[in-house]
C-alpha atoms as a PDB file:
ATOM      1  CA  MET A   1       5.999  16.515 -15.413  1.00  0.00           C
ATOM      2  CA  PRO A   2       7.975  13.831 -13.552  1.00  0.00           C
ATOM      3  CA  THR A   3       6.381  10.452 -14.051  1.00  0.00           C
ATOM      4  CA  GLY A   4       7.043   9.319 -10.469  1.00  0.00           C
ATOM      5  CA  LEU A   5       4.439  11.671  -8.957  1.00  0.00           C
ATOM      6  CA  LEU A   6       1.310  10.154 -10.517  1.00  0.00           C
ATOM      7  CA  PRO A   7       0.279   6.653 -11.605  1.00  0.00           C
ATOM      8  CA  GLU A   8       1.047   5.923 -15.262  1.00  0.00           C
ATOM      9  CA  PRO A   9      -2.515   6.350 -16.644  1.00  0.00           C
ATOM     10  CA  PHE A  10      -2.811   9.854 -15.174  1.00  0.00           C
ATOM     11  CA  VAL A  11       0.574  10.878 -16.559  1.00  0.00           C
ATOM     12  CA  SER A  12      -0.410   9.541 -19.967  1.00  0.00           C
ATOM     13  CA  TRP A  13      -3.756  11.380 -19.934  1.00  0.00           C
ATOM     14  CA  ARG A  14      -2.077  14.643 -18.990  1.00  0.00           C
ATOM     15  CA  ILE A  15       0.685  14.379 -21.589  1.00  0.00           C
ATOM     16  CA  ILE A  16      -1.737  13.368 -24.335  1.00  0.00           C
ATOM     17  CA  CYS A  17      -4.154  16.166 -23.464  1.00  0.00           C
ATOM     18  CA  LEU A  18      -1.419  18.789 -23.496  1.00  0.00           C
ATOM     19  CA  GLU A  19      -0.446  17.597 -26.958  1.00  0.00           C
ATOM     20  CA  GLY A  20      -4.015  18.290 -28.082  1.00  0.00           C
ATOM     21  CA  ASN A  21      -5.538  14.817 -27.860  1.00  0.00           C
ATOM     22  CA  ALA A  22      -8.066  13.312 -25.520  1.00  0.00           C
ATOM     23  CA  ALA A  23      -7.314   9.609 -25.165  1.00  0.00           C
ATOM     24  CA  ILE A  24      -9.490   8.056 -22.488  1.00  0.00           C
ATOM     25  CA  CYS A  25      -9.558   4.320 -23.097  1.00  0.00           C
ATOM     26  CA  PRO A  26      -7.538   1.304 -21.955  1.00  0.00           C
ATOM     27  CA  GLN A  27      -5.799   0.897 -25.322  1.00  0.00           C
ATOM     28  CA  ARG A  28      -4.861   4.596 -25.310  1.00  0.00           C
ATOM     29  CA  LEU A  29      -6.248   5.088 -28.773  1.00  0.00           C
ATOM     30  CA  PRO A  30      -7.111   8.712 -29.528  1.00  0.00           C
ATOM     31  CA  LEU A  31     -10.885   8.981 -29.445  1.00  0.00           C
ATOM     32  CA  ALA A  32     -11.148  12.612 -30.466  1.00  0.00           C
ATOM     33  CA  ARG A  33      -9.015  15.659 -31.078  1.00  0.00           C
ATOM     34  CA  ALA A  34      -9.096  18.309 -28.348  1.00  0.00           C
ATOM     35  CA  PRO A  35     -10.128  21.819 -29.430  1.00  0.00           C
ATOM     36  CA  GLY A  36      -7.060  23.345 -27.855  1.00  0.00           C
ATOM     37  CA  GLN A  37      -4.517  23.137 -25.143  1.00  0.00           C
ATOM     38  CA  GLY A  38      -4.163  24.608 -21.713  1.00  0.00           C
ATOM     39  CA  ALA A  39      -7.336  25.870 -20.075  1.00  0.00           C
ATOM     40  CA  VAL A  40      -9.763  23.721 -22.082  1.00  0.00           C
ATOM     41  CA  CYS A  41      -7.879  20.522 -21.289  1.00  0.00           C
ATOM     42  CA  ASP A  42      -7.480  21.570 -17.661  1.00  0.00           C
ATOM     43  CA  LEU A  43     -11.226  22.189 -17.402  1.00  0.00           C
ATOM     44  CA  TYR A  44     -12.005  18.842 -19.046  1.00  0.00           C
ATOM     45  CA  LEU A  45      -9.650  16.930 -16.753  1.00  0.00           C
ATOM     46  CA  ALA A  46     -10.967  18.740 -13.663  1.00  0.00           C
ATOM     47  CA  LEU A  47     -14.549  17.876 -14.592  1.00  0.00           C
ATOM     48  CA  LEU A  48     -13.607  14.297 -15.446  1.00  0.00           C
ATOM     49  CA  GLY A  49     -11.705  13.840 -12.195  1.00  0.00           C
ATOM     50  CA  SER A  50     -14.393  15.316  -9.970  1.00  0.00           C
ATOM     51  CA  HIS A  51     -17.130  13.429 -11.835  1.00  0.00           C
ATOM     52  CA  THR A  52     -15.320  10.100 -11.514  1.00  0.00           C
ATOM     53  CA  SER A  53     -14.441  10.559  -7.838  1.00  0.00           C
ATOM     54  CA  LEU A  54     -17.913  11.644  -6.836  1.00  0.00           C
ATOM     55  CA  ALA A  55     -19.548   8.922  -8.953  1.00  0.00           C
ATOM     56  CA  VAL A  56     -17.766   6.389  -6.754  1.00  0.00           C
ATOM     57  CA  VAL A  57     -18.811   8.182  -3.563  1.00  0.00           C
ATOM     58  CA  ILE A  58     -22.431   8.754  -4.570  1.00  0.00           C
ATOM     59  CA  VAL A  59     -23.376   5.069  -4.949  1.00  0.00           C
ATOM     60  CA  PRO A  60     -23.169   4.195  -1.238  1.00  0.00           C
ATOM     61  CA  LEU A  61     -24.789   7.538  -0.368  1.00  0.00           C
ATOM     62  CA  ILE A  62     -27.753   6.780  -2.636  1.00  0.00           C
ATOM     63  CA  LEU A  63     -28.131   3.263  -1.278  1.00  0.00           C
ATOM     64  CA  THR A  64     -27.931   4.492   2.335  1.00  0.00           C
ATOM     65  CA  THR A  65     -30.440   7.262   1.671  1.00  0.00           C
ATOM     66  CA  LEU A  66     -32.898   4.871   0.036  1.00  0.00           C
ATOM     67  CA  TYR A  67     -32.431   2.265   2.774  1.00  0.00           C
ATOM     68  CA  ARG A  68     -33.131   4.768   5.538  1.00  0.00           C
ATOM     69  CA  ALA A  69     -36.290   5.975   3.791  1.00  0.00           C
ATOM     70  CA  TRP A  70     -37.447   2.418   3.146  1.00  0.00           C
ATOM     71  CA  ARG A  71     -36.967   1.484   6.806  1.00  0.00           C
ATOM     72  CA  GLY A  72     -38.846   4.586   7.962  1.00  0.00           C
ATOM     73  CA  ARG A  73     -35.854   6.300   9.575  1.00  0.00           C
ATOM     74  CA  PHE A  74     -36.809   9.654   8.143  1.00  0.00           C
ATOM     75  CA  GLU A  75     -34.767  11.892  10.449  1.00  0.00           C
ATOM     76  CA  ARG A  76     -31.575  10.042   9.543  1.00  0.00           C
ATOM     77  CA  HIS A  77     -32.737   9.909   5.916  1.00  0.00           C
ATOM     78  CA  LYS A  78     -33.105  13.701   5.790  1.00  0.00           C
ATOM     79  CA  LYS A  79     -29.618  14.239   7.196  1.00  0.00           C
ATOM     80  CA  ILE A  80     -27.918  12.211   4.493  1.00  0.00           C
ATOM     81  CA  ALA A  81     -30.317  13.256   1.728  1.00  0.00           C
ATOM     82  CA  ARG A  82     -29.132  16.866   2.149  1.00  0.00           C
ATOM     83  CA  TRP A  83     -25.761  15.705   0.822  1.00  0.00           C
ATOM     84  CA  THR A  84     -26.957  13.003  -1.560  1.00  0.00           C
ATOM     85  CA  ARG A  85     -29.268  15.087  -3.739  1.00  0.00           C
ATOM     86  CA  PRO A  86     -26.831  17.883  -4.702  1.00  0.00           C
ATOM     87  CA  LEU A  87     -23.955  15.436  -5.218  1.00  0.00           C
ATOM     88  CA  TRP A  88     -26.140  13.190  -7.372  1.00  0.00           C
ATOM     89  CA  PHE A  89     -27.217  16.211  -9.395  1.00  0.00           C
ATOM     90  CA  TYR A  90     -23.577  17.317  -9.848  1.00  0.00           C
ATOM     91  CA  VAL A  91     -22.507  13.836 -10.983  1.00  0.00           C
ATOM     92  CA  SER A  92     -25.411  13.678 -13.423  1.00  0.00           C
ATOM     93  CA  VAL A  93     -24.702  17.088 -14.938  1.00  0.00           C
ATOM     94  CA  THR A  94     -20.931  16.631 -15.146  1.00  0.00           C
ATOM     95  CA  GLY A  95     -21.430  13.249 -16.806  1.00  0.00           C
ATOM     96  CA  VAL A  96     -23.368  14.911 -19.608  1.00  0.00           C
ATOM     97  CA  VAL A  97     -20.837  17.764 -19.853  1.00  0.00           C
ATOM     98  CA  VAL A  98     -17.866  15.366 -20.034  1.00  0.00           C
ATOM     99  CA  TYR A  99     -19.636  13.312 -22.714  1.00  0.00           C
ATOM    100  CA  TRP A 100     -20.495  16.465 -24.667  1.00  0.00           C
ATOM    101  CA  MET A 101     -16.945  17.814 -24.450  1.00  0.00           C
ATOM    102  CA  LEU A 102     -15.336  14.536 -25.518  1.00  0.00           C
ATOM    103  CA  TYR A 103     -17.695  13.334 -28.248  1.00  0.00           C
ATOM    104  CA  HIS A 104     -19.180  16.544 -29.621  1.00  0.00           C
ATOM    105  CA  VAL A 105     -16.791  19.450 -29.079  1.00  0.00           C
ATOM    106  CA  TYR A 106     -13.602  17.432 -29.551  1.00  0.00           C
ATOM    107  CA  ALA A 107     -15.045  15.338 -32.388  1.00  0.00           C
ATOM    108  CA  GLN A 108     -15.991  18.464 -34.386  1.00  0.00           C
ATOM    109  CA  VAL A 109     -12.445  19.785 -34.116  1.00  0.00           C
ATOM    110  CA  ALA A 110     -11.009  16.381 -35.133  1.00  0.00           C
ATOM    111  CA  ALA A 111     -13.242  16.295 -38.214  1.00  0.00           C
ATOM    112  CA  ARG A 112     -11.746  19.519 -39.552  1.00  0.00           C
END
Protein backbone atom coordinates (compact mmCIF):
# COMPACT_ATOMS: atom_id res chain seq x y z
CA MET A 1 0.00 0.00 0.00
CA PRO A 2 1.52 3.37 -0.96
CA THR A 3 2.13 5.45 2.12
CA GLY A 4 1.09 8.71 0.44
CA LEU A 5 -2.62 7.78 0.32
CA LEU A 6 -3.31 7.67 4.07
CA PRO A 7 -1.92 9.50 7.11
CA GLU A 8 0.98 7.67 8.77
CA PRO A 9 -0.96 6.20 11.75
CA PHE A 10 -3.50 4.54 9.45
CA VAL A 11 -0.77 3.08 7.24
CA SER A 12 1.01 1.76 10.31
CA TRP A 13 -2.17 0.18 11.71
CA ARG A 14 -2.92 -1.52 8.41
CA ILE A 15 0.61 -2.85 7.90
CA ILE A 16 0.86 -4.08 11.49
CA CYS A 17 -2.55 -5.75 11.33
CA LEU A 18 -1.72 -7.55 8.10
CA GLU A 19 1.41 -8.89 9.75
CA GLY A 20 -0.79 -10.39 12.47
CA ASN A 21 -0.49 -7.75 15.19
CA ALA A 22 -2.94 -5.25 16.56
CA ALA A 23 -1.00 -2.20 17.73
CA ILE A 24 -3.37 0.59 18.70
CA CYS A 25 -1.47 2.97 20.95
CA PRO A 26 0.63 6.11 20.49
CA GLN A 27 3.92 4.30 21.15
CA ARG A 28 2.98 1.61 18.61
CA LEU A 29 3.72 -1.14 21.07
CA PRO A 30 1.96 -4.41 20.22
CA LEU A 31 -0.87 -4.80 22.69
CA ALA A 32 -2.06 -8.21 21.55
CA ARG A 33 -1.52 -10.74 18.81
CA ALA A 34 -4.24 -10.92 16.16
CA PRO A 35 -5.89 -14.33 15.65
CA GLY A 36 -5.25 -14.22 11.93
CA GLN A 37 -4.87 -12.09 8.90
CA GLY A 38 -7.17 -10.90 6.19
CA ALA A 39 -10.88 -10.97 6.96
CA VAL A 40 -10.55 -10.86 10.76
CA CYS A 41 -8.28 -7.82 10.66
CA ASP A 42 -10.48 -6.17 8.03
CA LEU A 43 -13.54 -6.71 10.22
CA TYR A 44 -11.73 -5.35 13.29
CA LEU A 45 -10.52 -2.25 11.45
CA ALA A 46 -13.96 -1.64 9.92
CA LEU A 47 -15.60 -1.85 13.34
CA LEU A 48 -12.91 0.31 14.92
CA GLY A 49 -13.18 2.94 12.19
CA SER A 50 -16.97 3.13 12.21
CA HIS A 51 -17.05 3.12 16.03
CA THR A 52 -14.51 5.94 16.28
CA SER A 53 -16.14 8.09 13.59
CA LEU A 54 -19.63 7.71 14.98
CA ALA A 55 -18.43 8.23 18.57
CA VAL A 56 -17.30 11.69 17.50
CA VAL A 57 -20.60 12.40 15.73
CA ILE A 58 -22.85 11.06 18.49
CA VAL A 59 -21.71 13.50 21.21
CA PRO A 60 -23.26 16.62 19.65
CA LEU A 61 -26.34 14.59 18.66
CA ILE A 62 -26.84 13.46 22.26
CA LEU A 63 -26.35 16.95 23.63
CA THR A 64 -28.76 18.44 21.06
CA THR A 65 -31.36 15.77 21.75
CA LEU A 66 -31.16 16.30 25.51
CA TYR A 67 -31.23 20.09 25.13
CA ARG A 68 -34.35 20.01 22.98
CA ALA A 69 -36.13 17.74 25.46
CA TRP A 70 -35.06 19.89 28.39
CA ARG A 71 -36.36 23.04 26.70
CA GLY A 72 -39.67 21.36 25.87
CA ARG A 73 -39.19 21.36 22.09
CA PHE A 74 -40.52 17.84 21.78
CA GLU A 75 -41.33 17.83 18.06
CA ARG A 76 -37.76 18.83 17.21
CA HIS A 77 -36.50 16.45 19.90
CA LYS A 78 -38.33 13.51 18.31
CA LYS A 79 -36.87 14.27 14.88
CA ILE A 80 -33.29 14.11 16.06
CA ALA A 81 -33.89 11.34 18.60
CA ARG A 82 -34.85 9.00 15.73
CA TRP A 83 -31.22 9.22 14.61
CA THR A 84 -29.57 9.58 18.01
CA ARG A 85 -30.89 6.42 19.67
CA PRO A 86 -29.83 3.86 17.02
CA LEU A 87 -26.45 5.54 16.50
CA TRP A 88 -25.82 5.64 20.25
CA PHE A 89 -26.76 1.98 20.48
CA TYR A 90 -24.41 1.10 17.59
CA VAL A 91 -21.51 3.02 19.17
CA SER A 92 -22.14 1.32 22.51
CA VAL A 93 -22.26 -2.18 21.04
CA THR A 94 -19.28 -1.72 18.73
CA GLY A 95 -17.24 -0.33 21.62
CA VAL A 96 -17.77 -3.56 23.54
CA VAL A 97 -17.07 -5.68 20.44
CA VAL A 98 -13.83 -3.81 19.66
CA TYR A 99 -12.70 -4.17 23.28
CA TRP A 100 -13.58 -7.87 23.26
CA MET A 101 -11.77 -8.50 19.98
CA LEU A 102 -8.62 -6.65 21.04
CA TYR A 103 -8.24 -7.72 24.67
CA HIS A 104 -9.91 -11.12 24.78
CA VAL A 105 -9.78 -12.77 21.35
CA TYR A 106 -6.39 -11.37 20.37
CA ALA A 107 -4.92 -11.78 23.86
CA GLN A 108 -5.82 -15.50 23.94
CA VAL A 109 -4.03 -16.07 20.65
CA ALA A 110 -0.98 -14.10 21.87
CA ALA A 111 -0.80 -16.23 25.02
CA ARG A 112 -0.39 -19.42 23.01
